Amino acid sequence: MKEFFRALKNKRVRREYLKSIAVGIVSTALDFLITAVILYLAGRSEYDGFIGVITGKLKPNSTYVLPVSIYLIATVLSFVISVLFNYIMCTFFVYEYGNVGKNAKGFTKFAIFALIGLTITTICSLICSNVFGLTGSNVWWIKIAISLAIFVFNFFTRKYFVYNVALIRDDEHTISL
């Protein structure tokens, strides 16, 4: 962690980090919007309008409980779409050495780390909904908390394993896939 804060003193790293935050916010908004649309389509007869999906407000006398399977499908689909958006933005906008990851090997690494992130997201979502019983408007708090943790994971893995120019210069330390 000490090394991370020392690295932020570097102007290029700081710029990449700020761009990564901006792309992360847009990507998360895209993820949330797609999730909300899917949840609304699945339960539109029960929610009090589209905003009801976000607030958890149901129509009067409704006893609708969001099926975990629908929530997980929405989470996976929205995550995949936002990861594709994120890859494009990271490659062409965020990282100074984005061209390092602009090939099949870079995309494969990006996808593997995204799948790890998806696995963490899915497991945490299952635990929160099944073990702790968090449903309704609480799913958004779950997504926010998980997204913050995944952002940190994403920045480090992308910075050091996908878009790291040193990886192409130093085959001894390159991660082979």
Protein backbone atom coordinates (compact mmCIF):
# COMPACT_ATOMS: atom_id res chain seq x y z
CA MET A 1 0.00 0.00 0.00
CA LYS A 2 2.91 2.28 0.79
CA GLU A 3 4.18 1.69 -2.74
CA PHE A 4 0.80 2.73 -4.17
CA PHE A 5 0.85 6.12 -2.43
CA ARG A 6 4.47 6.64 -3.46
CA ALA A 7 3.48 5.87 -7.07
CA LEU A 8 0.72 8.52 -6.93
CA LYS A 9 3.44 11.18 -6.64
CA ASN A 10 4.21 10.43 -10.28
CA LYS A 11 2.16 12.75 -12.52
CA ARG A 12 1.47 10.04 -15.13
CA VAL A 13 0.26 7.54 -12.53
CA ARG A 14 -1.91 10.19 -10.87
CA ARG A 15 -3.44 11.11 -14.25
CA GLU A 16 -4.12 7.44 -15.02
CA TYR A 17 -5.68 6.96 -11.60
CA LEU A 18 -7.99 9.97 -12.04
CA LYS A 19 -8.97 8.82 -15.53
CA SER A 20 -9.57 5.35 -14.11
CA ILE A 21 -11.88 6.83 -11.48
CA ALA A 22 -13.83 8.73 -14.17
CA VAL A 23 -14.15 5.63 -16.38
CA GLY A 24 -15.04 3.57 -13.30
CA ILE A 25 -17.87 5.98 -12.41
CA VAL A 26 -19.28 5.91 -15.96
CA SER A 27 -18.87 2.14 -16.15
CA THR A 28 -20.59 1.70 -12.77
CA ALA A 29 -23.43 3.99 -13.87
CA LEU A 30 -23.81 1.87 -17.01
CA ASP A 31 -23.74 -1.29 -14.88
CA PHE A 32 -26.40 0.11 -12.52
CA LEU A 33 -28.62 1.36 -15.35
CA ILE A 34 -28.58 -1.99 -17.14
CA THR A 35 -29.29 -3.79 -13.85
CA ALA A 36 -32.20 -1.44 -13.14
CA VAL A 37 -33.67 -1.94 -16.61
CA ILE A 38 -33.49 -5.73 -16.31
CA LEU A 39 -35.02 -5.69 -12.81
CA TYR A 40 -37.75 -3.35 -14.02
CA LEU A 41 -38.55 -5.56 -17.03
CA ALA A 42 -38.73 -8.60 -14.76
CA GLY A 43 -41.02 -7.00 -12.19
CA ARG A 44 -42.62 -4.04 -13.94
CA SER A 45 -46.10 -5.06 -12.90
CA GLU A 46 -45.01 -4.94 -9.25
CA TYR A 47 -42.79 -1.85 -9.06
CA ASP A 48 -44.17 1.66 -8.62
CA GLY A 49 -42.61 2.86 -11.90
CA PHE A 50 -38.99 2.65 -12.98
CA ILE A 51 -37.81 4.68 -9.98
CA GLY A 52 -39.48 2.04 -7.81
CA VAL A 53 -36.76 -0.38 -8.90
CA ILE A 54 -34.13 1.92 -7.41
CA THR A 55 -36.03 2.88 -4.27
CA GLY A 56 -37.56 -0.57 -3.75
CA LYS A 57 -41.04 0.97 -3.75
CA LEU A 58 -43.72 -1.46 -4.86
CA LYS A 59 -47.30 -0.84 -5.96
CA PRO A 60 -49.84 -0.81 -3.13
CA ASN A 61 -50.73 -4.29 -1.78
CA SER A 62 -47.81 -5.90 -3.64
CA THR A 63 -45.84 -8.59 -1.85
CA TYR A 64 -43.29 -8.98 -4.64
CA VAL A 65 -39.92 -10.33 -3.56
CA LEU A 66 -37.15 -9.99 -6.12
CA PRO A 67 -36.07 -13.51 -7.14
CA VAL A 68 -32.36 -14.00 -6.50
CA SER A 69 -32.00 -15.60 -9.94
CA ILE A 70 -33.26 -12.42 -11.65
CA TYR A 71 -30.90 -10.28 -9.57
CA LEU A 72 -27.94 -12.52 -10.44
CA ILE A 73 -28.80 -12.55 -14.16
CA ALA A 74 -29.07 -8.76 -14.11
CA THR A 75 -25.77 -8.50 -12.24
CA VAL A 76 -23.90 -10.77 -14.66
CA LEU A 77 -25.29 -9.18 -17.86
CA SER A 78 -24.71 -5.63 -16.69
CA PHE A 79 -21.23 -6.54 -15.47
CA VAL A 80 -20.24 -8.07 -18.83
CA ILE A 81 -21.45 -5.04 -20.80
CA SER A 82 -19.73 -2.59 -18.47
CA VAL A 83 -16.49 -4.62 -18.62
CA LEU A 84 -16.46 -4.42 -22.43
CA PHE A 85 -17.00 -0.65 -22.19
CA ASN A 86 -14.27 -0.46 -19.56
CA TYR A 87 -11.77 -2.40 -21.70
CA ILE A 88 -12.26 -0.04 -24.62
CA MET A 89 -11.92 3.04 -22.40
CA CYS A 90 -8.86 1.69 -20.55
CA THR A 91 -7.14 0.77 -23.78
CA PHE A 92 -7.76 4.03 -25.64
CA PHE A 93 -8.18 6.62 -22.88
CA VAL A 94 -7.00 5.72 -19.36
CA TYR A 95 -3.56 4.18 -19.59
CA GLU A 96 -0.64 5.89 -21.29
CA TYR A 97 0.55 2.50 -22.46
CA GLY A 98 -2.93 1.29 -23.45
CA ASN A 99 -1.49 -0.18 -26.63
CA VAL A 100 0.22 -2.81 -24.42
CA GLY A 101 -3.20 -4.33 -23.69
CA LYS A 102 -4.60 -3.78 -27.20
CA ASN A 103 -4.10 -7.32 -28.43
CA ALA A 104 -5.50 -10.80 -27.82
CA LYS A 105 -3.14 -11.45 -24.89
CA GLY A 106 -4.03 -8.11 -23.25
CA PHE A 107 -7.74 -8.70 -23.72
CA THR A 108 -7.39 -12.22 -22.33
CA LYS A 109 -5.67 -10.90 -19.20
CA PHE A 110 -8.29 -8.16 -18.89
CA ALA A 111 -11.08 -10.73 -19.28
CA ILE A 112 -9.53 -13.11 -16.71
CA PHE A 113 -9.27 -10.34 -14.12
CA ALA A 114 -12.82 -9.23 -15.01
CA LEU A 115 -14.04 -12.81 -14.45
CA ILE A 116 -12.32 -12.83 -11.07
CA GLY A 117 -14.07 -9.54 -10.31
CA LEU A 118 -17.38 -10.99 -11.51
CA THR A 119 -16.88 -14.04 -9.31
CA ILE A 120 -16.20 -11.83 -6.29
CA THR A 121 -19.24 -9.69 -7.17
CA THR A 122 -21.51 -12.71 -7.59
CA ILE A 123 -20.37 -14.42 -4.38
CA CYS A 124 -20.76 -11.20 -2.39
CA SER A 125 -24.21 -10.61 -3.94
CA LEU A 126 -25.31 -14.16 -3.06
CA ILE A 127 -24.03 -13.83 0.50
CA CYS A 128 -25.73 -10.47 0.98
CA SER A 129 -29.07 -11.59 -0.47
CA ASN A 130 -29.25 -15.18 0.79
CA VAL A 131 -27.34 -15.06 4.07
CA PHE A 132 -28.15 -11.54 5.22
CA GLY A 133 -31.53 -11.32 3.46
CA LEU A 134 -30.79 -7.96 1.84
CA THR A 135 -33.32 -7.38 -0.95
CA GLY A 136 -35.40 -4.53 -2.36
CA SER A 137 -33.65 -1.18 -2.25
CA ASN A 138 -30.79 -2.81 -0.33
CA VAL A 139 -29.52 -4.43 -3.54
CA TRP A 140 -28.25 -1.01 -4.61
CA TRP A 141 -26.25 -0.58 -1.40
CA ILE A 142 -24.84 -4.05 -1.99
CA LYS A 143 -23.82 -3.09 -5.55
CA ILE A 144 -22.24 0.17 -4.37
CA ALA A 145 -20.16 -1.50 -1.66
CA ILE A 146 -19.06 -4.31 -3.95
CA SER A 147 -18.28 -1.85 -6.79
CA LEU A 148 -15.95 0.16 -4.56
CA ALA A 149 -13.99 -2.94 -3.61
CA ILE A 150 -13.87 -4.16 -7.21
CA PHE A 151 -12.65 -0.74 -8.40
CA VAL A 152 -9.50 -1.04 -6.28
CA PHE A 153 -8.95 -4.60 -7.50
CA ASN A 154 -9.47 -3.52 -11.13
CA PHE A 155 -7.10 -0.57 -10.99
CA PHE A 156 -4.23 -2.61 -9.56
CA THR A 157 -4.66 -5.61 -11.83
CA ARG A 158 -4.99 -3.49 -14.95
CA LYS A 159 -2.17 -1.13 -14.05
CA TYR A 160 0.33 -3.84 -13.15
CA PHE A 161 -0.71 -6.86 -15.22
CA VAL A 162 -2.48 -5.65 -18.37
CA TYR A 163 -1.25 -2.14 -19.26
CA ASN A 164 2.22 -2.33 -17.75
CA VAL A 165 4.83 -1.49 -20.39
CA ALA A 166 7.50 -3.22 -18.28
CA LEU A 167 5.80 -6.55 -18.97
CA ILE A 168 6.68 -6.38 -22.65
CA ARG A 169 10.23 -5.23 -21.89
CA ASP A 170 11.04 -7.84 -19.26
CA ASP A 171 10.05 -11.38 -20.30
CA GLU A 172 11.47 -12.83 -17.08
CA HIS A 173 8.66 -11.23 -15.04
CA THR A 174 5.89 -11.43 -17.65
CA ILE A 175 2.80 -13.31 -16.61
CA SER A 176 2.28 -16.08 -19.11
CA LEU A 177 -1.28 -16.95 -20.09
